[in-house]
Amino acid sequence: MNKIHFSAAVVLLAVITLLCGCATISSSFGRMAPDYSSVPSDGLKKAAQDIEKAVKEGNRELVLVNHDGLTLDKPEIGQAVRTRAARAQLVEKLLSTGFAIEQKDGLISVLRSREYKKATTSDERDRNALLVMSENANRWSIYEGLVKLSNLPPKSLSAVQDAFYRARVELLASGQKYQDDAGKTAVKP
């Protein structure tokens, strides 16, 4: 695929994601503190740990089971988990470069900098952008799907995001970056 077609595909995917993807957008003025009062917190944490461990291991055969009233065994969540597991090595590789970060909102982001631009080609940056957009779209499918399918109140979304974020931070490799509780960049020891 030539560079123009690849770039057009990245832009098209971004537009589709914005139009069809995430129905919930975090406020640009800050994110609400996680509200665990409306969710079965132990079940949510266990579900997040199980899913994130399977994703990191590349386990595309994980059998999703419901936890404490949380509905997970639905096709839309299963597909998002399998797709994330299929790309897990690519996400791991990107995080290991030091040019990506696990954010407190449960998403991944590229840390754009002069160093990043020098260390990568335009095609690599396009691939990384597509990787991040795809990964985040699947994460949103899991978060919003879990809230909707489990009939949780909308305010519980912050707890779902937080539980998955914390499960992922526990699994980060040494040297990979994440946002700490204060929102500052931290590096996994």
Protein backbone atom coordinates (compact mmCIF):
# COMPACT_ATOMS: atom_id res chain seq x y z
CA MET A 1 0.00 0.00 0.00
CA ASN A 2 1.54 3.31 -0.92
CA LYS A 3 1.97 6.13 1.58
CA ILE A 4 -0.97 8.22 0.30
CA HIS A 5 -3.42 5.31 0.50
CA PHE A 6 -2.15 4.30 3.95
CA SER A 7 -2.49 7.87 5.24
CA ALA A 8 -5.98 8.10 3.77
CA ALA A 9 -6.90 4.84 5.50
CA VAL A 10 -5.66 6.20 8.84
CA VAL A 11 -7.69 9.39 8.42
CA LEU A 12 -10.78 7.42 7.38
CA LEU A 13 -10.47 5.14 10.41
CA ALA A 14 -10.15 8.18 12.69
CA VAL A 15 -13.30 9.72 11.23
CA ILE A 16 -15.23 6.46 11.52
CA THR A 17 -14.06 6.04 15.11
CA LEU A 18 -15.18 9.56 15.97
CA LEU A 19 -18.55 9.18 14.26
CA CYS A 20 -19.40 5.60 15.28
CA GLY A 21 -17.08 4.72 18.08
CA CYS A 22 -16.86 6.16 21.48
CA ALA A 23 -20.16 7.55 22.64
CA THR A 24 -18.54 8.73 25.83
CA ILE A 25 -15.84 11.35 25.63
CA SER A 26 -13.88 12.44 28.68
CA SER A 27 -14.22 16.06 29.54
CA SER A 28 -11.36 18.22 28.40
CA PHE A 29 -11.60 19.99 31.76
CA GLY A 30 -10.68 16.88 33.69
CA ARG A 31 -11.86 13.42 34.42
CA MET A 32 -14.19 12.49 37.23
CA ALA A 33 -12.77 10.41 40.04
CA PRO A 34 -13.71 6.74 39.70
CA ASP A 35 -17.05 6.02 41.38
CA TYR A 36 -17.08 2.42 42.58
CA SER A 37 -20.29 2.89 44.60
CA SER A 38 -22.52 1.66 41.77
CA VAL A 39 -20.53 -1.41 40.74
CA PRO A 40 -19.57 -4.69 42.38
CA SER A 41 -15.97 -3.56 42.83
CA ASP A 42 -14.44 -6.96 43.64
CA GLY A 43 -16.09 -8.56 40.61
CA LEU A 44 -15.06 -5.66 38.38
CA LYS A 45 -11.44 -5.82 39.50
CA LYS A 46 -11.34 -9.60 39.01
CA ALA A 47 -12.89 -9.31 35.54
CA ALA A 48 -10.41 -6.59 34.55
CA GLN A 49 -7.46 -8.66 35.81
CA ASP A 50 -8.62 -11.77 33.96
CA ILE A 51 -9.20 -9.93 30.71
CA GLU A 52 -5.99 -7.91 30.81
CA LYS A 53 -3.91 -10.99 31.66
CA ALA A 54 -5.43 -12.89 28.72
CA VAL A 55 -4.86 -9.94 26.38
CA LYS A 56 -1.22 -9.56 27.42
CA GLU A 57 -0.67 -13.31 26.89
CA GLY A 58 -2.27 -13.08 23.44
CA ASN A 59 -4.98 -15.53 24.54
CA ARG A 60 -7.65 -15.30 21.85
CA GLU A 61 -9.57 -18.24 23.33
CA LEU A 62 -10.48 -16.69 26.69
CA VAL A 63 -13.91 -17.82 27.81
CA LEU A 64 -15.53 -14.76 29.34
CA VAL A 65 -17.55 -15.43 32.44
CA ASN A 66 -19.86 -13.08 34.27
CA HIS A 67 -18.60 -11.72 37.61
CA ASP A 68 -20.93 -10.60 40.42
CA GLY A 69 -23.69 -9.32 38.16
CA LEU A 70 -21.34 -8.00 35.49
CA THR A 71 -22.23 -9.25 32.02
CA LEU A 72 -19.11 -10.12 30.04
CA ASP A 73 -20.05 -13.18 28.00
CA LYS A 74 -21.50 -11.26 25.05
CA PRO A 75 -20.16 -11.27 21.47
CA GLU A 76 -19.28 -7.56 21.36
CA ILE A 77 -17.06 -7.82 24.43
CA GLY A 78 -15.59 -11.17 23.37
CA GLN A 79 -14.67 -9.83 19.93
CA ALA A 80 -12.99 -6.74 21.42
CA VAL A 81 -10.96 -8.93 23.81
CA ARG A 82 -9.90 -11.33 21.02
CA THR A 83 -8.90 -8.45 18.74
CA ARG A 84 -6.87 -6.85 21.51
CA ALA A 85 -5.17 -10.19 22.23
CA ALA A 86 -4.28 -10.50 18.54
CA ARG A 87 -2.51 -7.14 18.57
CA ALA A 88 -1.02 -7.46 22.07
CA GLN A 89 2.55 -7.93 20.84
CA LEU A 90 2.35 -4.76 18.76
CA VAL A 91 1.02 -2.74 21.70
CA GLU A 92 3.70 -4.23 23.96
CA LYS A 93 6.40 -3.32 21.43
CA LEU A 94 5.09 0.26 21.16
CA LEU A 95 4.99 0.68 24.95
CA SER A 96 8.55 -0.66 25.19
CA THR A 97 9.85 2.05 22.86
CA GLY A 98 9.09 4.66 25.52
CA PHE A 99 7.00 6.63 23.03
CA ALA A 100 3.63 5.45 24.36
CA ILE A 101 1.88 5.59 27.70
CA GLU A 102 -0.97 3.89 29.52
CA GLN A 103 -3.27 6.70 30.58
CA LYS A 104 -5.42 6.92 33.73
CA ASP A 105 -8.56 6.99 31.58
CA GLY A 106 -7.88 3.41 30.46
CA LEU A 107 -6.57 4.32 27.03
CA ILE A 108 -3.15 4.25 25.41
CA SER A 109 -1.51 7.25 23.81
CA VAL A 110 1.56 8.05 21.75
CA LEU A 111 3.89 10.57 23.39
CA ARG A 112 4.60 12.86 20.49
CA SER A 113 7.91 14.61 20.80
CA ARG A 114 10.88 15.73 18.79
CA GLU A 115 12.63 12.50 19.82
CA TYR A 116 9.69 10.41 18.60
CA LYS A 117 9.72 12.17 15.25
CA LYS A 118 13.49 11.65 14.90
CA ALA A 119 13.32 7.98 15.90
CA THR A 120 10.50 7.04 13.53
CA THR A 121 9.54 7.38 9.90
CA SER A 122 6.28 8.89 8.71
CA ASP A 123 5.01 5.39 7.87
CA GLU A 124 5.89 4.13 11.37
CA ARG A 125 4.06 7.06 12.97
CA ASP A 126 1.02 6.33 10.76
CA ARG A 127 1.09 2.65 11.80
CA ASN A 128 1.45 3.61 15.45
CA ALA A 129 -1.49 6.01 15.18
CA LEU A 130 -3.62 3.30 13.59
CA LEU A 131 -2.54 0.82 16.27
CA VAL A 132 -3.46 3.23 19.08
CA MET A 133 -6.81 4.17 17.51
CA SER A 134 -7.73 0.52 17.01
CA GLU A 135 -6.65 -0.50 20.51
CA ASN A 136 -8.56 2.37 22.09
CA ALA A 137 -11.68 1.62 20.05
CA ASN A 138 -11.64 -1.97 21.35
CA ARG A 139 -11.06 -0.79 24.90
CA TRP A 140 -14.08 1.51 24.60
CA SER A 141 -16.13 -1.41 23.30
CA ILE A 142 -15.27 -3.35 26.45
CA TYR A 143 -15.86 -0.45 28.86
CA GLU A 144 -19.09 0.80 27.38
CA GLY A 145 -20.30 -2.71 26.59
CA LEU A 146 -19.76 -3.80 30.18
CA VAL A 147 -21.69 -0.78 31.50
CA LYS A 148 -24.55 -1.17 29.02
CA LEU A 149 -24.89 -4.96 29.11
CA SER A 150 -24.65 -5.07 32.91
CA ASN A 151 -27.28 -2.31 33.25
CA LEU A 152 -24.89 -0.18 35.29
CA PRO A 153 -25.54 3.54 35.66
CA PRO A 154 -23.49 5.79 33.35
CA LYS A 155 -21.53 7.15 36.32
CA SER A 156 -19.96 3.69 36.74
CA LEU A 157 -17.97 4.10 33.51
CA SER A 158 -15.17 5.86 35.41
CA ALA A 159 -14.83 2.85 37.75
CA VAL A 160 -14.73 0.45 34.80
CA GLN A 161 -12.00 2.48 33.12
CA ASP A 162 -10.05 2.70 36.38
CA ALA A 163 -10.27 -1.03 37.11
CA PHE A 164 -8.92 -1.93 33.66
CA TYR A 165 -6.22 0.77 33.85
CA ARG A 166 -5.01 -0.58 37.21
CA ALA A 167 -5.02 -4.17 35.93
CA ARG A 168 -2.89 -3.12 32.95
CA VAL A 169 -0.41 -1.10 35.04
CA GLU A 170 0.20 -4.20 37.17
CA LEU A 171 1.14 -6.10 34.00
CA LEU A 172 3.43 -3.46 32.46
CA ALA A 173 7.01 -4.48 31.80
CA SER A 174 9.87 -2.69 33.46
CA GLY A 175 10.61 0.62 31.73
CA GLN A 176 7.13 1.09 30.27
CA LYS A 177 5.31 4.35 30.96
CA TYR A 178 1.97 5.05 32.60
CA GLN A 179 0.17 7.94 34.26
CA ASP A 180 0.26 7.79 38.04
CA ASP A 181 -2.68 8.77 40.25
CA ALA A 182 -1.68 12.43 39.97
CA GLY A 183 -1.63 12.22 36.16
CA LYS A 184 2.15 12.49 35.95
CA THR A 185 4.22 10.22 33.71
CA ALA A 186 5.74 7.36 35.69
CA VAL A 187 7.95 4.48 34.58
CA LYS A 188 7.36 0.92 35.74
CA PRO A 189 10.34 -0.18 37.84
